[in-house]
Amino acid sequence: MNYLMRNPVVLAIVVVALLILIGSTFSIVPETRQAVIVRFGEPVRIVNRFKPNEGFGNTGAGLIARIPFAEQIVWIDKRVLSVEMERQQVLSTDQLRLQVDAFARYRIINPLRMYITAGSEGRVSDELRPILGSALRNELGKRPFAALLSPERGQVMRNIEAGLNRVARQYGAEIIDVRIKRADLPDGTPLQSAFQRMRTAREQEALTIRAQGAKQAQIIRAEADATASRIYADSFNKDASFYEFYRAMQSYRITFSQQAKGEASVILSPNNAYLKEFQGR
């Protein structure tokens, strides 16, 4: 000990060696990371592995010990990660070319499989990115452009998520969500043509609705007239003479009201059959 005190250089070397030894033996695993302990290239154990519905502070995070220089730590994020898809051109069933931007969110749930198959988180994202683009093109290619503007869009996203999740499982990951950020038509003539087709389709749909409404109105009116005629016939058949009198009064009202206005003149003899209701019964 006295020798070390008299030789500060040797003391410094000893202190540095101890610090390196301690740093190679003990590590702190944060709450947000999983640790794969690798011994000579072979994974031997996992620390702070992701568990569903695990409360913060109740995980395996904290101080851990390992064999110095023989065991290394591969850090894997426990948080939700995202993979951005490059802008893709998709052809819909109505022959519209769409420029689509999408992304997927995932989490590493099996760090051992991820380490064996991919080696790092960046490799997982690189593997999932082309699969996301392929699944998006295949799914949107089965539907018209209007499907992206309707509730059917949710089913489209679920189908893409299911297909992508089958691939993600191979890398120890789980797809949490898939979303389309933008789906636009190319600028210029294709966009204007699409707007014109949409406008024409809506106008034709409006004409069809109006024609169906007019047809239904005529049917209702005809049924109402038939019902009214049946009611009148049933009523007047109960007293034929009263019906004849009622119809004559209606005719007199129309004829003589026109006479009062000076529109026409009619000369009839008192014995004319048309005036018989004035003679009494």
C-alpha atoms as a PDB file:
ATOM      1  CA  MET A   1       0.000   0.000   0.000  1.00  0.00           C
ATOM      2  CA  ASN A   2       2.853   2.334   0.859  1.00  0.00           C
ATOM      3  CA  TYR A   3       4.387   1.450  -2.499  1.00  0.00           C
ATOM      4  CA  LEU A   4       1.215   2.548  -4.297  1.00  0.00           C
ATOM      5  CA  MET A   5       1.094   5.762  -2.318  1.00  0.00           C
ATOM      6  CA  ARG A   6       4.673   6.514  -3.273  1.00  0.00           C
ATOM      7  CA  ASN A   7       3.956   5.742  -6.952  1.00  0.00           C
ATOM      8  CA  PRO A   8       0.906   7.759  -8.061  1.00  0.00           C
ATOM      9  CA  VAL A   9       1.183   6.501 -11.648  1.00  0.00           C
ATOM     10  CA  VAL A  10       0.807   2.908 -10.541  1.00  0.00           C
ATOM     11  CA  LEU A  11      -2.056   3.936  -8.263  1.00  0.00           C
ATOM     12  CA  ALA A  12      -3.817   5.621 -11.150  1.00  0.00           C
ATOM     13  CA  ILE A  13      -3.411   2.516 -13.286  1.00  0.00           C
ATOM     14  CA  VAL A  14      -4.861   0.337 -10.515  1.00  0.00           C
ATOM     15  CA  VAL A  15      -7.816   2.680 -10.028  1.00  0.00           C
ATOM     16  CA  VAL A  16      -8.541   2.754 -13.783  1.00  0.00           C
ATOM     17  CA  ALA A  17      -8.318  -1.037 -13.923  1.00  0.00           C
ATOM     18  CA  LEU A  18     -10.759  -1.340 -11.019  1.00  0.00           C
ATOM     19  CA  LEU A  19     -13.189   1.071 -12.683  1.00  0.00           C
ATOM     20  CA  ILE A  20     -13.006  -0.895 -15.935  1.00  0.00           C
ATOM     21  CA  LEU A  21     -13.559  -4.127 -14.032  1.00  0.00           C
ATOM     22  CA  ILE A  22     -16.565  -2.692 -12.170  1.00  0.00           C
ATOM     23  CA  GLY A  23     -17.982  -1.243 -15.405  1.00  0.00           C
ATOM     24  CA  SER A  24     -17.611  -4.606 -17.124  1.00  0.00           C
ATOM     25  CA  THR A  25     -19.229  -6.445 -14.187  1.00  0.00           C
ATOM     26  CA  PHE A  26     -22.177  -4.220 -13.229  1.00  0.00           C
ATOM     27  CA  SER A  27     -24.709  -2.462 -15.454  1.00  0.00           C
ATOM     28  CA  ILE A  28     -27.959  -0.597 -14.909  1.00  0.00           C
ATOM     29  CA  VAL A  29     -30.912  -1.746 -17.018  1.00  0.00           C
ATOM     30  CA  PRO A  30     -33.405   1.132 -17.518  1.00  0.00           C
ATOM     31  CA  GLU A  31     -37.172   0.659 -17.485  1.00  0.00           C
ATOM     32  CA  THR A  32     -37.441   1.410 -21.180  1.00  0.00           C
ATOM     33  CA  ARG A  33     -34.960  -1.226 -22.394  1.00  0.00           C
ATOM     34  CA  GLN A  34     -34.558  -4.958 -22.559  1.00  0.00           C
ATOM     35  CA  ALA A  35     -31.127  -6.512 -22.212  1.00  0.00           C
ATOM     36  CA  VAL A  36     -29.926  -9.643 -23.981  1.00  0.00           C
ATOM     37  CA  ILE A  37     -26.803 -11.007 -22.257  1.00  0.00           C
ATOM     38  CA  VAL A  38     -24.494 -12.537 -24.854  1.00  0.00           C
ATOM     39  CA  ARG A  39     -21.561 -14.761 -23.851  1.00  0.00           C
ATOM     40  CA  PHE A  40     -18.999 -15.303 -26.608  1.00  0.00           C
ATOM     41  CA  GLY A  41     -21.664 -14.609 -29.248  1.00  0.00           C
ATOM     42  CA  GLU A  42     -24.345 -16.845 -27.698  1.00  0.00           C
ATOM     43  CA  PRO A  43     -27.349 -15.324 -25.861  1.00  0.00           C
ATOM     44  CA  VAL A  44     -27.587 -16.740 -22.341  1.00  0.00           C
ATOM     45  CA  ARG A  45     -30.330 -14.756 -20.627  1.00  0.00           C
ATOM     46  CA  ILE A  46     -32.706 -11.805 -20.952  1.00  0.00           C
ATOM     47  CA  VAL A  47     -33.186  -9.048 -18.402  1.00  0.00           C
ATOM     48  CA  ASN A  48     -36.275  -6.797 -18.127  1.00  0.00           C
ATOM     49  CA  ARG A  49     -38.182  -8.621 -20.858  1.00  0.00           C
ATOM     50  CA  PHE A  50     -41.404  -7.029 -22.080  1.00  0.00           C
ATOM     51  CA  LYS A  51     -44.578  -8.338 -20.438  1.00  0.00           C
ATOM     52  CA  PRO A  52     -48.083  -7.164 -21.367  1.00  0.00           C
ATOM     53  CA  ASN A  53     -49.874  -5.000 -18.778  1.00  0.00           C
ATOM     54  CA  GLU A  54     -46.718  -4.761 -16.678  1.00  0.00           C
ATOM     55  CA  GLY A  55     -46.743  -1.800 -14.301  1.00  0.00           C
ATOM     56  CA  PHE A  56     -43.973   0.774 -14.416  1.00  0.00           C
ATOM     57  CA  GLY A  57     -41.535   0.111 -11.566  1.00  0.00           C
ATOM     58  CA  ASN A  58     -42.466  -3.578 -11.274  1.00  0.00           C
ATOM     59  CA  THR A  59     -40.172  -4.805 -14.048  1.00  0.00           C
ATOM     60  CA  GLY A  60     -36.761  -6.436 -13.938  1.00  0.00           C
ATOM     61  CA  ALA A  61     -34.946  -3.140 -14.473  1.00  0.00           C
ATOM     62  CA  GLY A  62     -32.128  -2.131 -12.167  1.00  0.00           C
ATOM     63  CA  LEU A  63     -28.581  -3.156 -11.316  1.00  0.00           C
ATOM     64  CA  ILE A  64     -27.361  -6.458 -12.801  1.00  0.00           C
ATOM     65  CA  ALA A  65     -24.045  -8.336 -12.709  1.00  0.00           C
ATOM     66  CA  ARG A  66     -22.331 -10.196 -15.524  1.00  0.00           C
ATOM     67  CA  ILE A  67     -19.078 -11.948 -16.192  1.00  0.00           C
ATOM     68  CA  PRO A  68     -16.607  -9.194 -17.085  1.00  0.00           C
ATOM     69  CA  PHE A  69     -15.185  -9.231 -20.615  1.00  0.00           C
ATOM     70  CA  ALA A  70     -16.931 -12.532 -21.369  1.00  0.00           C
ATOM     71  CA  GLU A  71     -20.520 -11.306 -21.456  1.00  0.00           C
ATOM     72  CA  GLN A  72     -21.803  -8.374 -23.498  1.00  0.00           C
ATOM     73  CA  ILE A  73     -25.168  -6.598 -23.393  1.00  0.00           C
ATOM     74  CA  VAL A  74     -27.354  -6.026 -26.445  1.00  0.00           C
ATOM     75  CA  TRP A  75     -29.883  -3.291 -25.695  1.00  0.00           C
ATOM     76  CA  ILE A  76     -33.403  -3.535 -27.156  1.00  0.00           C
ATOM     77  CA  ASP A  77     -36.038  -0.854 -26.729  1.00  0.00           C
ATOM     78  CA  LYS A  78     -39.241  -1.824 -24.891  1.00  0.00           C
ATOM     79  CA  ARG A  79     -41.148   1.208 -26.128  1.00  0.00           C
ATOM     80  CA  VAL A  80     -43.349   1.466 -29.204  1.00  0.00           C
ATOM     81  CA  LEU A  81     -41.248   1.957 -32.324  1.00  0.00           C
ATOM     82  CA  SER A  82     -42.308   3.162 -35.753  1.00  0.00           C
ATOM     83  CA  VAL A  83     -41.357   2.368 -39.317  1.00  0.00           C
ATOM     84  CA  GLU A  84     -42.010   4.947 -42.033  1.00  0.00           C
ATOM     85  CA  MET A  85     -42.886   3.756 -45.510  1.00  0.00           C
ATOM     86  CA  GLU A  86     -41.508   5.618 -48.477  1.00  0.00           C
ATOM     87  CA  ARG A  87     -44.092   7.276 -50.701  1.00  0.00           C
ATOM     88  CA  GLN A  88     -45.729   4.577 -52.807  1.00  0.00           C
ATOM     89  CA  GLN A  89     -47.813   4.705 -55.977  1.00  0.00           C
ATOM     90  CA  VAL A  90     -50.880   2.434 -55.816  1.00  0.00           C
ATOM     91  CA  LEU A  91     -53.353   1.629 -58.608  1.00  0.00           C
ATOM     92  CA  SER A  92     -56.934   1.275 -57.322  1.00  0.00           C
ATOM     93  CA  THR A  93     -59.662  -0.818 -58.942  1.00  0.00           C
ATOM     94  CA  ASP A  94     -61.157   2.275 -60.591  1.00  0.00           C
ATOM     95  CA  GLN A  95     -57.809   2.832 -62.351  1.00  0.00           C
ATOM     96  CA  LEU A  96     -56.707   5.774 -60.209  1.00  0.00           C
ATOM     97  CA  ARG A  97     -53.032   6.146 -59.361  1.00  0.00           C
ATOM     98  CA  LEU A  98     -52.673   7.149 -55.722  1.00  0.00           C
ATOM     99  CA  GLN A  99     -49.641   8.567 -53.942  1.00  0.00           C
ATOM    100  CA  VAL A 100     -49.764   6.954 -50.481  1.00  0.00           C
ATOM    101  CA  ASP A 101     -47.752   7.712 -47.326  1.00  0.00           C
ATOM    102  CA  ALA A 102     -48.133   5.256 -44.449  1.00  0.00           C
ATOM    103  CA  PHE A 103     -46.430   4.141 -41.259  1.00  0.00           C
ATOM    104  CA  ALA A 104     -46.617   1.246 -38.812  1.00  0.00           C
ATOM    105  CA  ARG A 105     -45.989   1.109 -35.076  1.00  0.00           C
ATOM    106  CA  TYR A 106     -44.549  -2.005 -33.464  1.00  0.00           C
ATOM    107  CA  ARG A 107     -42.938  -3.301 -30.290  1.00  0.00           C
ATOM    108  CA  ILE A 108     -40.274  -5.941 -29.687  1.00  0.00           C
ATOM    109  CA  ILE A 109     -41.954  -8.623 -27.547  1.00  0.00           C
ATOM    110  CA  ASN A 110     -39.452 -11.448 -28.065  1.00  0.00           C
ATOM    111  CA  PRO A 111     -35.936  -9.983 -27.759  1.00  0.00           C
ATOM    112  CA  LEU A 112     -34.225 -13.364 -28.100  1.00  0.00           C
ATOM    113  CA  ARG A 113     -35.849 -14.077 -31.468  1.00  0.00           C
ATOM    114  CA  MET A 114     -35.143 -10.541 -32.600  1.00  0.00           C
ATOM    115  CA  TYR A 115     -31.466 -10.908 -31.741  1.00  0.00           C
ATOM    116  CA  ILE A 116     -31.177 -14.268 -33.522  1.00  0.00           C
ATOM    117  CA  THR A 117     -33.064 -13.304 -36.698  1.00  0.00           C
ATOM    118  CA  ALA A 118     -32.282  -9.600 -37.071  1.00  0.00           C
ATOM    119  CA  GLY A 119     -29.548  -8.652 -34.642  1.00  0.00           C
ATOM    120  CA  SER A 120     -30.728  -5.073 -34.093  1.00  0.00           C
ATOM    121  CA  GLU A 121     -33.829  -2.890 -34.057  1.00  0.00           C
ATOM    122  CA  GLY A 122     -32.741  -1.066 -37.194  1.00  0.00           C
ATOM    123  CA  ARG A 123     -32.642  -4.340 -39.103  1.00  0.00           C
ATOM    124  CA  VAL A 124     -36.225  -5.100 -38.019  1.00  0.00           C
ATOM    125  CA  SER A 125     -37.400  -1.751 -39.401  1.00  0.00           C
ATOM    126  CA  ASP A 126     -35.509  -2.370 -42.645  1.00  0.00           C
ATOM    127  CA  GLU A 127     -37.216  -5.758 -43.019  1.00  0.00           C
ATOM    128  CA  LEU A 128     -40.707  -4.473 -42.209  1.00  0.00           C
ATOM    129  CA  ARG A 129     -40.584  -1.428 -44.494  1.00  0.00           C
ATOM    130  CA  PRO A 130     -40.823  -3.261 -47.872  1.00  0.00           C
ATOM    131  CA  ILE A 131     -43.398  -5.687 -46.452  1.00  0.00           C
ATOM    132  CA  LEU A 132     -45.558  -2.737 -45.395  1.00  0.00           C
ATOM    133  CA  GLY A 133     -45.343  -1.261 -48.892  1.00  0.00           C
ATOM    134  CA  SER A 134     -46.217  -4.578 -50.520  1.00  0.00           C
ATOM    135  CA  ALA A 135     -49.174  -5.221 -48.196  1.00  0.00           C
ATOM    136  CA  LEU A 136     -50.442  -1.690 -48.795  1.00  0.00           C
ATOM    137  CA  ARG A 137     -50.301  -2.035 -52.573  1.00  0.00           C
ATOM    138  CA  ASN A 138     -52.001  -5.439 -52.531  1.00  0.00           C
ATOM    139  CA  GLU A 139     -54.828  -4.328 -50.239  1.00  0.00           C
ATOM    140  CA  LEU A 140     -55.537  -0.960 -51.839  1.00  0.00           C
ATOM    141  CA  GLY A 141     -55.328  -2.527 -55.285  1.00  0.00           C
ATOM    142  CA  LYS A 142     -58.454  -4.541 -54.435  1.00  0.00           C
ATOM    143  CA  ARG A 143     -60.599  -1.477 -53.672  1.00  0.00           C
ATOM    144  CA  PRO A 144     -61.716   1.764 -55.330  1.00  0.00           C
ATOM    145  CA  PHE A 145     -60.415   5.138 -54.252  1.00  0.00           C
ATOM    146  CA  ALA A 146     -63.709   5.913 -52.474  1.00  0.00           C
ATOM    147  CA  ALA A 147     -63.005   3.101 -49.992  1.00  0.00           C
ATOM    148  CA  LEU A 148     -60.325   5.282 -48.396  1.00  0.00           C
ATOM    149  CA  LEU A 149     -62.947   7.926 -47.679  1.00  0.00           C
ATOM    150  CA  SER A 150     -65.503   5.576 -46.136  1.00  0.00           C
ATOM    151  CA  PRO A 151     -65.763   3.412 -42.995  1.00  0.00           C
ATOM    152  CA  GLU A 152     -64.338   0.577 -45.112  1.00  0.00           C
ATOM    153  CA  ARG A 153     -60.927   2.179 -44.568  1.00  0.00           C
ATOM    154  CA  GLY A 154     -60.811   0.685 -41.063  1.00  0.00           C
ATOM    155  CA  GLN A 155     -61.139  -2.836 -42.472  1.00  0.00           C
ATOM    156  CA  VAL A 156     -58.409  -2.074 -45.013  1.00  0.00           C
ATOM    157  CA  MET A 157     -56.048  -1.062 -42.203  1.00  0.00           C
ATOM    158  CA  ARG A 158     -56.876  -4.177 -40.191  1.00  0.00           C
ATOM    159  CA  ASN A 159     -56.116  -6.429 -43.171  1.00  0.00           C
ATOM    160  CA  ILE A 160     -52.773  -4.709 -43.746  1.00  0.00           C
ATOM    161  CA  GLU A 161     -51.971  -4.953 -40.037  1.00  0.00           C
ATOM    162  CA  ALA A 162     -52.755  -8.696 -39.970  1.00  0.00           C
ATOM    163  CA  GLY A 163     -50.549  -9.407 -42.987  1.00  0.00           C
ATOM    164  CA  LEU A 164     -47.672  -7.329 -41.630  1.00  0.00           C
ATOM    165  CA  ASN A 165     -47.988  -8.889 -38.188  1.00  0.00           C
ATOM    166  CA  ARG A 166     -47.377 -12.385 -39.607  1.00  0.00           C
ATOM    167  CA  VAL A 167     -44.000 -11.216 -40.866  1.00  0.00           C
ATOM    168  CA  ALA A 168     -43.179  -9.193 -37.744  1.00  0.00           C
ATOM    169  CA  ARG A 169     -43.629 -12.272 -35.544  1.00  0.00           C
ATOM    170  CA  GLN A 170     -40.684 -13.857 -37.310  1.00  0.00           C
ATOM    171  CA  TYR A 171     -38.506 -11.048 -35.936  1.00  0.00           C
ATOM    172  CA  GLY A 172     -39.932 -11.123 -32.412  1.00  0.00           C
ATOM    173  CA  ALA A 173     -42.049  -7.997 -33.006  1.00  0.00           C
ATOM    174  CA  GLU A 174     -45.750  -7.254 -32.746  1.00  0.00           C
ATOM    175  CA  ILE A 175     -47.562  -4.743 -34.957  1.00  0.00           C
ATOM    176  CA  ILE A 176     -49.638  -2.360 -32.863  1.00  0.00           C
ATOM    177  CA  ASP A 177     -51.085  -0.113 -35.519  1.00  0.00           C
ATOM    178  CA  VAL A 178     -50.935   0.749 -39.228  1.00  0.00           C
ATOM    179  CA  ARG A 179     -52.030   4.135 -40.503  1.00  0.00           C
ATOM    180  CA  ILE A 180     -52.206   5.960 -43.827  1.00  0.00           C
ATOM    181  CA  LYS A 181     -50.978   9.521 -43.419  1.00  0.00           C
ATOM    182  CA  ARG A 182     -51.933  10.712 -46.886  1.00  0.00           C
ATOM    183  CA  ALA A 183     -53.508   9.258 -50.011  1.00  0.00           C
ATOM    184  CA  ASP A 184     -53.473  11.795 -52.828  1.00  0.00           C
ATOM    185  CA  LEU A 185     -54.031  11.713 -56.545  1.00  0.00           C
ATOM    186  CA  PRO A 186     -51.131  12.934 -58.705  1.00  0.00           C
ATOM    187  CA  ASP A 187     -51.305  16.635 -59.525  1.00  0.00           C
ATOM    188  CA  GLY A 188     -52.389  17.742 -62.977  1.00  0.00           C
ATOM    189  CA  THR A 189     -54.675  16.024 -65.474  1.00  0.00           C
ATOM    190  CA  PRO A 190     -55.244  12.788 -63.488  1.00  0.00           C
ATOM    191  CA  LEU A 191     -56.495  14.782 -60.510  1.00  0.00           C
ATOM    192  CA  GLN A 192     -58.871  16.921 -62.576  1.00  0.00           C
ATOM    193  CA  SER A 193     -60.127  13.851 -64.446  1.00  0.00           C
ATOM    194  CA  ALA A 194     -60.814  12.099 -61.159  1.00  0.00           C
ATOM    195  CA  PHE A 195     -62.751  15.103 -59.867  1.00  0.00           C
ATOM    196  CA  GLN A 196     -64.803  15.204 -63.071  1.00  0.00           C
ATOM    197  CA  ARG A 197     -65.584  11.469 -62.846  1.00  0.00           C
ATOM    198  CA  MET A 198     -66.609  11.855 -59.227  1.00  0.00           C
ATOM    199  CA  ARG A 199     -68.805  14.850 -60.094  1.00  0.00           C
ATOM    200  CA  THR A 200     -70.445  12.977 -62.987  1.00  0.00           C
ATOM    201  CA  ALA A 201     -71.056   9.918 -60.825  1.00  0.00           C
ATOM    202  CA  ARG A 202     -72.708  12.022 -58.117  1.00  0.00           C
ATOM    203  CA  GLU A 203     -74.901  13.811 -60.665  1.00  0.00           C
ATOM    204  CA  GLN A 204     -76.033  10.479 -62.128  1.00  0.00           C
ATOM    205  CA  GLU A 205     -76.728   9.199 -58.636  1.00  0.00           C
ATOM    206  CA  ALA A 206     -78.795  12.332 -57.897  1.00  0.00           C
ATOM    207  CA  LEU A 207     -80.802  11.856 -61.110  1.00  0.00           C
ATOM    208  CA  THR A 208     -81.462   8.236 -60.214  1.00  0.00           C
ATOM    209  CA  ILE A 209     -82.667   9.223 -56.743  1.00  0.00           C
ATOM    210  CA  ARG A 210     -84.966  11.913 -58.186  1.00  0.00           C
ATOM    211  CA  ALA A 211     -86.397   9.470 -60.752  1.00  0.00           C
ATOM    212  CA  GLN A 212     -87.042   6.877 -58.070  1.00  0.00           C
ATOM    213  CA  GLY A 213     -88.682   9.547 -55.896  1.00  0.00           C
ATOM    214  CA  ALA A 214     -90.938  10.705 -58.744  1.00  0.00           C
ATOM    215  CA  LYS A 215     -91.905   7.103 -59.508  1.00  0.00           C
ATOM    216  CA  GLN A 216     -92.700   6.427 -55.886  1.00  0.00           C
ATOM    217  CA  ALA A 217     -94.743   9.639 -55.697  1.00  0.00           C
ATOM    218  CA  GLN A 218     -96.816   8.624 -58.730  1.00  0.00           C
ATOM    219  CA  ILE A 219     -97.443   5.202 -57.236  1.00  0.00           C
ATOM    220  CA  ILE A 220     -98.549   6.736 -53.934  1.00  0.00           C
ATOM    221  CA  ARG A 221    -100.745   9.291 -55.712  1.00  0.00           C
ATOM    222  CA  ALA A 222    -102.363   6.604 -57.892  1.00  0.00           C
ATOM    223  CA  GLU A 223    -103.012   4.397 -54.869  1.00  0.00           C
ATOM    224  CA  ALA A 224    -104.526   7.375 -53.030  1.00  0.00           C
ATOM    225  CA  ASP A 225    -106.768   8.254 -56.003  1.00  0.00           C
ATOM    226  CA  ALA A 226    -107.881   4.647 -56.283  1.00  0.00           C
ATOM    227  CA  THR A 227    -108.669   4.532 -52.573  1.00  0.00           C
ATOM    228  CA  ALA A 228    -110.600   7.808 -52.805  1.00  0.00           C
ATOM    229  CA  SER A 229    -112.564   6.579 -55.814  1.00  0.00           C
ATOM    230  CA  ARG A 230    -113.417   3.366 -54.017  1.00  0.00           C
ATOM    231  CA  ILE A 231    -114.593   5.283 -50.962  1.00  0.00           C
ATOM    232  CA  TYR A 232    -116.717   7.610 -53.136  1.00  0.00           C
ATOM    233  CA  ALA A 233    -118.187   4.680 -55.030  1.00  0.00           C
ATOM    234  CA  ASP A 234    -119.012   2.828 -51.831  1.00  0.00           C
ATOM    235  CA  SER A 235    -120.666   5.922 -50.411  1.00  0.00           C
ATOM    236  CA  PHE A 236    -122.668   6.919 -53.493  1.00  0.00           C
ATOM    237  CA  ASN A 237    -123.848   3.375 -54.222  1.00  0.00           C
ATOM    238  CA  LYS A 238    -125.741   3.463 -50.954  1.00  0.00           C
ATOM    239  CA  ASP A 239    -128.079   6.162 -52.427  1.00  0.00           C
ATOM    240  CA  ALA A 240    -127.980   6.489 -56.240  1.00  0.00           C
ATOM    241  CA  SER A 241    -130.538   9.294 -56.361  1.00  0.00           C
ATOM    242  CA  PHE A 242    -128.560  11.377 -53.890  1.00  0.00           C
ATOM    243  CA  TYR A 243    -125.426  10.822 -55.927  1.00  0.00           C
ATOM    244  CA  GLU A 244    -127.228  11.982 -59.075  1.00  0.00           C
ATOM    245  CA  PHE A 245    -128.448  15.091 -57.217  1.00  0.00           C
ATOM    246  CA  TYR A 246    -124.958  15.800 -55.829  1.00  0.00           C
ATOM    247  CA  ARG A 247    -123.321  15.553 -59.246  1.00  0.00           C
ATOM    248  CA  ALA A 248    -125.988  17.837 -60.760  1.00  0.00           C
ATOM    249  CA  MET A 249    -125.327  20.464 -58.054  1.00  0.00           C
ATOM    250  CA  GLN A 250    -121.618  20.349 -58.796  1.00  0.00           C
ATOM    251  CA  SER A 251    -122.313  20.821 -62.514  1.00  0.00           C
ATOM    252  CA  TYR A 252    -124.691  23.756 -61.818  1.00  0.00           C
ATOM    253  CA  ARG A 253    -122.092  25.445 -59.636  1.00  0.00           C
ATOM    254  CA  ILE A 254    -119.414  25.296 -62.317  1.00  0.00           C
ATOM    255  CA  THR A 255    -121.749  26.244 -65.179  1.00  0.00           C
ATOM    256  CA  PHE A 256    -123.571  29.128 -63.531  1.00  0.00           C
ATOM    257  CA  SER A 257    -120.433  30.556 -61.925  1.00  0.00           C
ATOM    258  CA  GLN A 258    -118.996  30.898 -65.424  1.00  0.00           C
ATOM    259  CA  GLN A 259    -122.235  32.576 -66.491  1.00  0.00           C
ATOM    260  CA  ALA A 260    -121.902  35.062 -63.657  1.00  0.00           C
ATOM    261  CA  LYS A 261    -118.463  36.013 -64.895  1.00  0.00           C
ATOM    262  CA  GLY A 262    -119.863  36.645 -68.388  1.00  0.00           C
ATOM    263  CA  GLU A 263    -117.621  34.112 -70.033  1.00  0.00           C
ATOM    264  CA  ALA A 264    -120.464  32.328 -71.945  1.00  0.00           C
ATOM    265  CA  SER A 265    -124.225  32.269 -72.442  1.00  0.00           C
ATOM    266  CA  VAL A 266    -126.386  29.169 -72.460  1.00  0.00           C
ATOM    267  CA  ILE A 267    -130.063  29.156 -73.484  1.00  0.00           C
ATOM    268  CA  LEU A 268    -132.107  26.124 -72.439  1.00  0.00           C
ATOM    269  CA  SER A 269    -135.822  25.385 -72.375  1.00  0.00           C
ATOM    270  CA  PRO A 270    -137.437  24.878 -68.955  1.00  0.00           C
ATOM    271  CA  ASN A 271    -138.139  21.257 -69.828  1.00  0.00           C
ATOM    272  CA  ASN A 272    -134.485  20.445 -70.596  1.00  0.00           C
ATOM    273  CA  ALA A 273    -133.217  17.343 -68.783  1.00  0.00           C
ATOM    274  CA  TYR A 274    -130.203  19.269 -67.560  1.00  0.00           C
ATOM    275  CA  LEU A 275    -132.472  21.506 -65.454  1.00  0.00           C
ATOM    276  CA  LYS A 276    -134.667  18.776 -64.026  1.00  0.00           C
ATOM    277  CA  GLU A 277    -133.227  19.213 -60.523  1.00  0.00           C
ATOM    278  CA  PHE A 278    -134.801  22.705 -60.461  1.00  0.00           C
ATOM    279  CA  GLN A 279    -138.225  21.149 -60.914  1.00  0.00           C
ATOM    280  CA  GLY A 280    -138.103  19.356 -57.616  1.00  0.00           C
ATOM    281  CA  ARG A 281    -139.020  15.796 -56.832  1.00  0.00           C
END
